[in-house]
C-alpha atoms as a PDB file:
ATOM      1  CA  MET A   1       0.000   0.000   0.000  1.00  0.00           C
ATOM      2  CA  LEU A   2       1.349   3.404  -0.984  1.00  0.00           C
ATOM      3  CA  LYS A   3       1.602   5.969   1.790  1.00  0.00           C
ATOM      4  CA  PRO A   4       2.409   9.676   1.490  1.00  0.00           C
ATOM      5  CA  ILE A   5       5.809  11.062   2.404  1.00  0.00           C
ATOM      6  CA  GLU A   6       5.630  14.451   4.093  1.00  0.00           C
ATOM      7  CA  LEU A   7       6.819  16.911   1.442  1.00  0.00           C
ATOM      8  CA  ASN A   8       9.264  18.616   3.815  1.00  0.00           C
ATOM      9  CA  ASN A   9      10.899  15.225   4.504  1.00  0.00           C
ATOM     10  CA  ILE A  10      11.696  14.318   0.890  1.00  0.00           C
ATOM     11  CA  THR A  11      15.363  13.558   0.279  1.00  0.00           C
ATOM     12  CA  GLU A  12      17.422  12.751  -2.791  1.00  0.00           C
ATOM     13  CA  GLU A  13      17.238   9.088  -1.784  1.00  0.00           C
ATOM     14  CA  HIS A  14      13.481   9.192  -2.364  1.00  0.00           C
ATOM     15  CA  ILE A  15      14.001  10.535  -5.901  1.00  0.00           C
ATOM     16  CA  LEU A  16      16.918   8.360  -7.025  1.00  0.00           C
ATOM     17  CA  GLY A  17      16.042   5.538  -9.378  1.00  0.00           C
ATOM     18  CA  ASN A  18      14.227   4.696 -12.570  1.00  0.00           C
ATOM     19  CA  TRP A  19      10.706   6.022 -13.004  1.00  0.00           C
ATOM     20  CA  ARG A  20       8.203   5.345 -15.768  1.00  0.00           C
ATOM     21  CA  VAL A  21       5.375   7.636 -16.764  1.00  0.00           C
ATOM     22  CA  GLN A  22       1.980   6.487 -15.537  1.00  0.00           C
ATOM     23  CA  SER A  23       0.115   9.555 -16.792  1.00  0.00           C
ATOM     24  CA  LYS A  24       0.655  13.091 -17.997  1.00  0.00           C
ATOM     25  CA  ILE A  25      -1.393  16.226 -18.420  1.00  0.00           C
ATOM     26  CA  LEU A  26      -0.031  18.685 -20.958  1.00  0.00           C
ATOM     27  CA  ASN A  27      -2.120  21.811 -20.207  1.00  0.00           C
ATOM     28  CA  ARG A  28      -0.255  24.551 -22.087  1.00  0.00           C
ATOM     29  CA  SER A  29       3.030  22.611 -22.241  1.00  0.00           C
ATOM     30  CA  ASP A  30       4.865  21.838 -25.492  1.00  0.00           C
ATOM     31  CA  PRO A  31       3.796  18.272 -26.398  1.00  0.00           C
ATOM     32  CA  GLU A  32       7.165  17.737 -28.127  1.00  0.00           C
ATOM     33  CA  SER A  33       9.345  18.709 -25.159  1.00  0.00           C
ATOM     34  CA  PRO A  34      11.725  16.004 -23.888  1.00  0.00           C
ATOM     35  CA  PHE A  35       9.819  15.811 -20.603  1.00  0.00           C
ATOM     36  CA  ALA A  36       6.436  15.431 -22.328  1.00  0.00           C
ATOM     37  CA  THR A  37       7.575  12.747 -24.775  1.00  0.00           C
ATOM     38  CA  ALA A  38       9.701  10.604 -22.456  1.00  0.00           C
ATOM     39  CA  GLU A  39       8.280   7.360 -21.118  1.00  0.00           C
ATOM     40  CA  GLU A  40      11.108   6.847 -18.610  1.00  0.00           C
ATOM     41  CA  HIS A  41      13.005   9.211 -16.324  1.00  0.00           C
ATOM     42  CA  HIS A  42      16.200   8.147 -14.559  1.00  0.00           C
ATOM     43  CA  PHE A  43      17.431  10.086 -11.532  1.00  0.00           C
ATOM     44  CA  LEU A  44      20.998   8.930 -11.013  1.00  0.00           C
ATOM     45  CA  LYS A  45      23.674   9.636  -8.415  1.00  0.00           C
ATOM     46  CA  ASP A  46      25.835  12.733  -8.755  1.00  0.00           C
ATOM     47  CA  SER A  47      22.770  14.666  -9.978  1.00  0.00           C
ATOM     48  CA  ILE A  48      22.773  12.965 -13.379  1.00  0.00           C
ATOM     49  CA  TYR A  49      19.406  12.875 -15.123  1.00  0.00           C
ATOM     50  CA  LYS A  50      18.665  10.660 -18.116  1.00  0.00           C
ATOM     51  CA  THR A  51      15.492  10.446 -20.133  1.00  0.00           C
ATOM     52  CA  LEU A  52      14.546   7.989 -22.845  1.00  0.00           C
ATOM     53  CA  ASN A  53      12.313   9.301 -25.605  1.00  0.00           C
ATOM     54  CA  GLY A  54      13.680   7.813 -28.789  1.00  0.00           C
ATOM     55  CA  GLU A  55      17.123   9.084 -27.901  1.00  0.00           C
ATOM     56  CA  ASP A  56      19.038   9.187 -24.654  1.00  0.00           C
ATOM     57  CA  LEU A  57      19.158  12.707 -23.251  1.00  0.00           C
ATOM     58  CA  LEU A  58      21.511  13.495 -20.396  1.00  0.00           C
ATOM     59  CA  GLY A  59      21.244  16.398 -18.023  1.00  0.00           C
ATOM     60  CA  LYS A  60      21.394  17.350 -14.367  1.00  0.00           C
ATOM     61  CA  TRP A  61      18.823  17.410 -11.593  1.00  0.00           C
ATOM     62  CA  VAL A  62      18.826  18.850  -8.098  1.00  0.00           C
ATOM     63  CA  LEU A  63      16.334  18.657  -5.239  1.00  0.00           C
ATOM     64  CA  PHE A  64      15.770  22.018  -3.592  1.00  0.00           C
ATOM     65  CA  LEU A  65      13.740  22.316  -0.409  1.00  0.00           C
ATOM     66  CA  GLU A  66      11.974  25.668  -0.500  1.00  0.00           C
ATOM     67  CA  THR A  67      10.836  26.799   2.914  1.00  0.00           C
ATOM     68  CA  ASP A  68      10.277  30.524   2.525  1.00  0.00           C
ATOM     69  CA  ILE A  69       7.586  30.880  -0.120  1.00  0.00           C
ATOM     70  CA  ILE A  70       6.180  27.632  -1.500  1.00  0.00           C
ATOM     71  CA  LYS A  71       6.928  25.167   1.303  1.00  0.00           C
ATOM     72  CA  SER A  72       7.213  22.382  -1.266  1.00  0.00           C
ATOM     73  CA  PRO A  73      10.262  20.630  -2.631  1.00  0.00           C
ATOM     74  CA  LEU A  74      11.409  21.636  -6.090  1.00  0.00           C
ATOM     75  CA  LEU A  75      13.167  19.565  -8.712  1.00  0.00           C
ATOM     76  CA  LYS A  76      15.362  21.665 -10.953  1.00  0.00           C
ATOM     77  CA  PHE A  77      16.550  20.180 -14.245  1.00  0.00           C
ATOM     78  CA  THR A  78      19.144  21.266 -16.750  1.00  0.00           C
ATOM     79  CA  LEU A  79      18.647  19.533 -20.082  1.00  0.00           C
ATOM     80  CA  LYS A  80      20.009  20.707 -23.443  1.00  0.00           C
ATOM     81  CA  ASN A  81      21.370  23.836 -21.708  1.00  0.00           C
ATOM     82  CA  GLN A  82      17.854  24.756 -20.627  1.00  0.00           C
ATOM     83  CA  ALA A  83      16.756  25.086 -16.998  1.00  0.00           C
ATOM     84  CA  VAL A  84      13.354  23.648 -16.080  1.00  0.00           C
ATOM     85  CA  ASN A  85      11.691  23.909 -12.674  1.00  0.00           C
ATOM     86  CA  THR A  86       9.117  21.588 -11.139  1.00  0.00           C
ATOM     87  CA  ILE A  87       7.252  21.346  -7.883  1.00  0.00           C
ATOM     88  CA  ILE A  88       6.792  17.972  -6.221  1.00  0.00           C
ATOM     89  CA  THR A  89       3.116  17.840  -5.355  1.00  0.00           C
ATOM     90  CA  LEU A  90       2.904  14.245  -4.101  1.00  0.00           C
ATOM     91  CA  LEU A  91       5.242  11.406  -3.201  1.00  0.00           C
ATOM     92  CA  LEU A  92       3.908   8.018  -2.123  1.00  0.00           C
ATOM     93  CA  TYR A  93       6.002   5.015  -1.012  1.00  0.00           C
ATOM     94  CA  THR A  94       5.374   1.490   0.190  1.00  0.00           C
ATOM     95  CA  ASP A  95       6.715   0.543   3.622  1.00  0.00           C
ATOM     96  CA  ASP A  96       9.420  -1.623   2.038  1.00  0.00           C
ATOM     97  CA  LYS A  97      10.479   1.295  -0.245  1.00  0.00           C
ATOM     98  CA  GLU A  98      10.181  -0.981  -3.303  1.00  0.00           C
ATOM     99  CA  HIS A  99       7.358   0.917  -5.008  1.00  0.00           C
ATOM    100  CA  ALA A 100       6.638   4.622  -5.270  1.00  0.00           C
ATOM    101  CA  GLN A 101       4.565   7.222  -7.071  1.00  0.00           C
ATOM    102  CA  LEU A 102       5.838  10.748  -7.720  1.00  0.00           C
ATOM    103  CA  THR A 103       3.748  13.629  -9.047  1.00  0.00           C
ATOM    104  CA  ILE A 104       5.574  16.662 -10.378  1.00  0.00           C
ATOM    105  CA  TYR A 105       4.226  19.871 -11.894  1.00  0.00           C
ATOM    106  CA  PHE A 106       6.416  21.787 -14.342  1.00  0.00           C
ATOM    107  CA  ASP A 107       6.484  25.554 -14.677  1.00  0.00           C
ATOM    108  CA  THR A 108       5.428  24.948 -18.314  1.00  0.00           C
ATOM    109  CA  GLY A 109       2.092  23.444 -17.211  1.00  0.00           C
ATOM    110  CA  LEU A 110       3.083  19.807 -17.706  1.00  0.00           C
ATOM    111  CA  GLU A 111       2.126  17.414 -14.917  1.00  0.00           C
ATOM    112  CA  LEU A 112       3.680  13.943 -14.698  1.00  0.00           C
ATOM    113  CA  VAL A 113       2.750  11.019 -12.505  1.00  0.00           C
ATOM    114  CA  LEU A 114       5.738   8.675 -12.318  1.00  0.00           C
ATOM    115  CA  LEU A 115       5.945   5.128 -10.946  1.00  0.00           C
ATOM    116  CA  LYS A 116       8.985   3.378  -9.526  1.00  0.00           C
ATOM    117  CA  ASN A 117       9.065  -0.377  -8.912  1.00  0.00           C
END
């Protein structure tokens, strides 16, 4: 059973791993962007980010815990020399930490629900 992780308690260890897209909502986001077209997202050690969407794209990611304004953790990406910001809106984990669900909302309007198992 998936249980929520308190947003202020999210660490890089929670994010590390291979995630596949369960669902996405484009809103006003570019449907051809690397984040919108990828079916898998890999958060690797040393802040390396890899996405698979027909071609391997490498970039960087960093978890930033905002406490002054938003009070939600942010994921900041650099991909193809472009910075992209997201807010983590939900993180669920099983007790054994084997399965998880991550929901992130991009500043472009894209929302992704990712699964890790």
